Amino acid sequence: MAISTFAELKASIADYLNRSDLTSVIPTFVSLAEAQINRDVRHWQMENRATTSFDGQFGTRPSDWVSTIRMHLTGNGTRSMSLISQQAMAERRANDNDAAGTPMFYAHSESQFELYPTPDQAVTAEILYHQKVPALSDSNTTNWLLGYAPDVYLYGSLIHSAPYLSEDNRATVWASMYGAAVEQLNAKSEEAKTSGAGLKLKVRGLG
């Protein structure tokens, strides 16, 4: 059976489990799989850009944020900002008396970005980040991951069916297949990022 839509995914899960009485809980298995997928998968198709303004020490992250790749200021030219830990952020503020100026560093603080120095005027930044895989539903019937790697969705959902069905032995099988599919997916993403670099031929002289 092809798996390209939410309905087809749910039907495949039921087929693999050989059960016809799980219609109401299979969407929960899928939702739990999506939460795990967002923790495990880092693919170039998850990359997204967002522009945001900061007028103080803190600024909110995008609602679909999973992890930050990089961030830089825009406006009068561009200026990259370096990621630092919360401890390093606190030390910089203490050592420089919490000076204001053009931000050079950022840290993740709860659900926000924290900038240092604190902007002395409103600034605009562009964020490149990994976004959540768009959740499947009856109204959002497909997404890039289901179209590209339906095995990740299938085995991920089956993992979360095992505790519900008290089938711990099968959980090991599903987890192994899910792990292999995620590893291959992430590896292919890294390969795609460097596929345009080309090969350089070195010719050694004779003699």
Protein backbone atom coordinates (compact mmCIF):
# COMPACT_ATOMS: atom_id res chain seq x y z
CA MET A 1 0.00 0.00 0.00
CA ALA A 2 1.28 3.45 -0.93
CA ILE A 3 1.64 5.87 1.97
CA SER A 4 1.31 9.45 0.80
CA THR A 5 -1.60 10.81 2.85
CA PHE A 6 -2.68 10.84 6.49
CA ALA A 7 -5.52 8.42 5.69
CA GLU A 8 -3.13 5.99 3.98
CA LEU A 9 -0.71 6.21 6.91
CA LYS A 10 -3.46 5.39 9.40
CA ALA A 11 -4.61 2.47 7.25
CA SER A 12 -1.05 1.12 7.01
CA ILE A 13 -0.59 1.34 10.78
CA ALA A 14 -3.78 -0.66 11.27
CA ASP A 15 -2.61 -3.23 8.70
CA TYR A 16 0.80 -3.65 10.36
CA LEU A 17 -0.86 -4.12 13.73
CA ASN A 18 -3.52 -6.38 12.23
CA ARG A 19 -6.16 -4.47 14.15
CA SER A 20 -9.38 -2.82 13.01
CA ASP A 21 -10.42 -1.39 16.38
CA LEU A 22 -7.80 1.34 16.80
CA THR A 23 -9.31 4.06 14.65
CA SER A 24 -9.66 6.51 17.53
CA VAL A 25 -6.12 6.07 18.92
CA ILE A 26 -4.00 5.76 15.77
CA PRO A 27 -3.92 9.58 15.34
CA THR A 28 -2.39 9.72 18.84
CA PHE A 29 0.34 7.28 17.77
CA VAL A 30 1.07 9.60 14.83
CA SER A 31 1.17 12.70 17.04
CA LEU A 32 3.59 11.01 19.44
CA ALA A 33 5.74 9.96 16.47
CA GLU A 34 5.83 13.56 15.23
CA ALA A 35 7.07 14.76 18.62
CA GLN A 36 9.88 12.21 18.46
CA ILE A 37 10.63 13.00 14.83
CA ASN A 38 11.09 16.67 15.66
CA ARG A 39 13.68 15.64 18.26
CA ASP A 40 15.50 13.15 16.03
CA VAL A 41 15.38 14.42 12.43
CA ARG A 42 17.51 17.27 11.14
CA HIS A 43 16.90 17.59 7.42
CA TRP A 44 17.49 20.47 5.05
CA GLN A 45 13.77 20.56 4.29
CA MET A 46 13.20 21.58 7.91
CA GLU A 47 15.26 24.73 7.39
CA ASN A 48 13.34 28.01 7.42
CA ARG A 49 14.10 31.72 7.61
CA ALA A 50 12.33 34.29 9.73
CA THR A 51 12.86 37.99 10.31
CA THR A 52 12.19 39.45 13.72
CA SER A 53 12.73 42.76 15.52
CA PHE A 54 14.32 43.21 18.94
CA ASP A 55 13.87 46.34 21.01
CA GLY A 56 15.21 44.95 24.27
CA GLN A 57 17.16 42.18 25.91
CA PHE A 58 14.76 39.40 24.91
CA GLY A 59 12.84 38.39 21.80
CA THR A 60 10.49 35.50 21.04
CA ARG A 61 11.44 32.49 18.95
CA PRO A 62 9.30 31.42 15.96
CA SER A 63 6.32 29.30 17.03
CA ASP A 64 7.52 26.36 14.91
CA TRP A 65 11.14 26.61 16.12
CA VAL A 66 13.08 23.41 16.87
CA SER A 67 16.72 24.55 16.81
CA THR A 68 18.73 27.55 15.64
CA ILE A 69 21.24 27.22 12.82
CA ARG A 70 22.45 30.82 12.80
CA MET A 71 21.29 34.37 13.37
CA HIS A 72 22.55 37.70 12.07
CA LEU A 73 21.52 41.33 12.21
CA THR A 74 20.24 42.99 9.07
CA GLY A 75 19.74 46.62 8.17
CA ASN A 76 22.92 48.62 7.68
CA GLY A 77 24.82 45.68 6.25
CA THR A 78 24.82 42.38 8.11
CA ARG A 79 26.48 41.36 11.34
CA SER A 80 26.63 37.77 12.51
CA MET A 81 25.91 36.94 16.13
CA SER A 82 27.56 34.09 18.01
CA LEU A 83 25.67 31.61 20.16
CA ILE A 84 26.85 31.46 23.77
CA SER A 85 25.65 29.64 26.87
CA GLN A 86 23.44 31.23 29.52
CA GLN A 87 26.41 31.14 31.90
CA ALA A 88 28.59 33.00 29.41
CA MET A 89 25.78 35.49 28.86
CA ALA A 90 25.52 36.17 32.60
CA GLU A 91 29.28 36.59 32.90
CA ARG A 92 29.42 39.08 30.03
CA ARG A 93 26.63 41.15 31.56
CA ALA A 94 28.35 41.16 34.95
CA ASN A 95 31.79 42.00 33.57
CA ASP A 96 30.55 44.85 31.36
CA ASN A 97 27.94 46.27 33.75
CA ASP A 98 25.15 45.16 31.43
CA ALA A 99 26.23 47.62 28.75
CA ALA A 100 23.92 48.45 25.83
CA GLY A 101 25.03 48.55 22.21
CA THR A 102 24.91 46.54 19.00
CA PRO A 103 24.22 42.88 19.81
CA MET A 104 27.07 40.48 19.09
CA PHE A 105 25.93 37.38 20.99
CA TYR A 106 22.72 35.48 21.63
CA ALA A 107 21.64 32.71 23.98
CA HIS A 108 18.53 30.59 24.37
CA SER A 109 16.65 31.64 27.48
CA GLU A 110 13.47 29.67 28.18
CA SER A 111 11.37 30.19 25.02
CA GLN A 112 13.19 33.36 23.96
CA PHE A 113 16.37 34.68 22.45
CA GLU A 114 18.52 36.78 24.75
CA LEU A 115 20.86 39.31 23.10
CA TYR A 116 24.07 40.88 24.33
CA PRO A 117 24.81 43.69 24.44
CA THR A 118 21.20 44.69 24.97
CA PRO A 119 20.21 46.67 21.84
CA ASP A 120 20.52 50.42 22.36
CA GLN A 121 17.94 50.83 19.58
CA ALA A 122 15.54 48.55 17.74
CA VAL A 123 17.34 46.01 15.54
CA THR A 124 16.18 43.49 12.97
CA ALA A 125 17.60 40.00 12.76
CA GLU A 126 17.25 37.14 10.31
CA ILE A 127 17.08 33.68 11.87
CA LEU A 128 17.87 30.47 10.00
CA TYR A 129 16.40 27.62 12.00
CA HIS A 130 14.98 24.12 11.88
CA GLN A 131 11.20 24.20 12.00
CA LYS A 132 8.84 21.49 13.17
CA VAL A 133 7.58 19.04 10.60
CA PRO A 134 4.03 20.23 9.78
CA ALA A 135 1.67 18.00 11.74
CA LEU A 136 -0.61 15.67 9.81
CA SER A 137 -4.35 15.88 10.30
CA ASP A 138 -7.58 15.37 8.43
CA SER A 139 -7.20 18.91 7.08
CA ASN A 140 -3.42 18.77 6.50
CA THR A 141 -3.24 15.40 4.82
CA THR A 142 0.41 15.33 3.77
CA ASN A 143 3.77 17.02 4.22
CA TRP A 144 7.29 16.77 2.81
CA LEU A 145 8.39 14.06 5.25
CA LEU A 146 5.50 11.72 4.55
CA GLY A 147 6.13 12.12 0.83
CA TYR A 148 9.89 11.60 1.11
CA ALA A 149 10.27 9.14 4.01
CA PRO A 150 6.96 7.43 4.85
CA ASP A 151 8.91 4.69 6.67
CA VAL A 152 9.98 7.21 9.32
CA TYR A 153 6.33 8.06 9.97
CA LEU A 154 5.16 4.45 9.88
CA TYR A 155 7.77 2.94 12.19
CA GLY A 156 7.69 5.97 14.48
CA SER A 157 3.94 5.56 14.90
CA LEU A 158 4.25 1.81 15.46
CA ILE A 159 6.78 2.39 18.27
CA HIS A 160 4.14 4.32 20.18
CA SER A 161 1.48 1.69 19.55
CA ALA A 162 3.46 -0.93 21.46
CA PRO A 163 2.97 0.41 25.02
CA TYR A 164 -0.74 0.93 24.34
CA LEU A 165 -1.07 -2.67 23.11
CA SER A 166 1.34 -4.08 25.74
CA GLU A 167 3.57 -5.49 23.01
CA ASP A 168 7.05 -4.64 24.27
CA ASN A 169 8.75 -7.21 22.02
CA ARG A 170 7.43 -5.52 18.90
CA ALA A 171 8.55 -2.13 20.20
CA THR A 172 12.17 -3.26 19.85
CA VAL A 173 11.61 -4.18 16.21
CA TRP A 174 9.82 -0.93 15.38
CA ALA A 175 12.46 1.12 17.19
CA SER A 176 15.27 -0.55 15.25
CA MET A 177 13.59 0.09 11.91
CA TYR A 178 12.71 3.66 12.88
CA GLY A 179 16.28 4.36 14.00
CA ALA A 180 17.72 3.04 10.74
CA ALA A 181 15.27 5.12 8.68
CA VAL A 182 16.07 8.31 10.61
CA GLU A 183 19.81 7.70 10.33
CA GLN A 184 19.55 7.28 6.57
CA LEU A 185 17.33 10.35 6.25
CA ASN A 186 19.74 12.56 8.18
CA ALA A 187 22.71 11.16 6.25
CA LYS A 188 21.04 11.89 2.92
CA SER A 189 20.40 15.45 4.04
CA GLU A 190 24.08 15.97 4.85
CA GLU A 191 25.03 14.41 1.52
CA ALA A 192 22.65 16.75 -0.33
CA LYS A 193 24.20 19.79 1.34
CA THR A 194 27.64 18.97 -0.07
CA SER A 195 26.61 17.41 -3.38
CA GLY A 196 27.30 20.59 -5.37
CA ALA A 197 30.84 21.05 -4.13
CA GLY A 198 32.34 18.93 -6.89
CA LEU A 199 35.56 16.99 -6.88
CA LYS A 200 38.95 18.56 -7.32
CA LEU A 201 41.49 16.64 -9.35
CA LYS A 202 45.06 16.98 -8.21
CA VAL A 203 47.72 16.27 -10.83
CA ARG A 204 51.10 15.43 -9.49
CA GLY A 205 54.10 16.40 -11.56
CA LEU A 206 56.50 13.81 -12.82
CA GLY A 207 60.17 13.63 -11.85
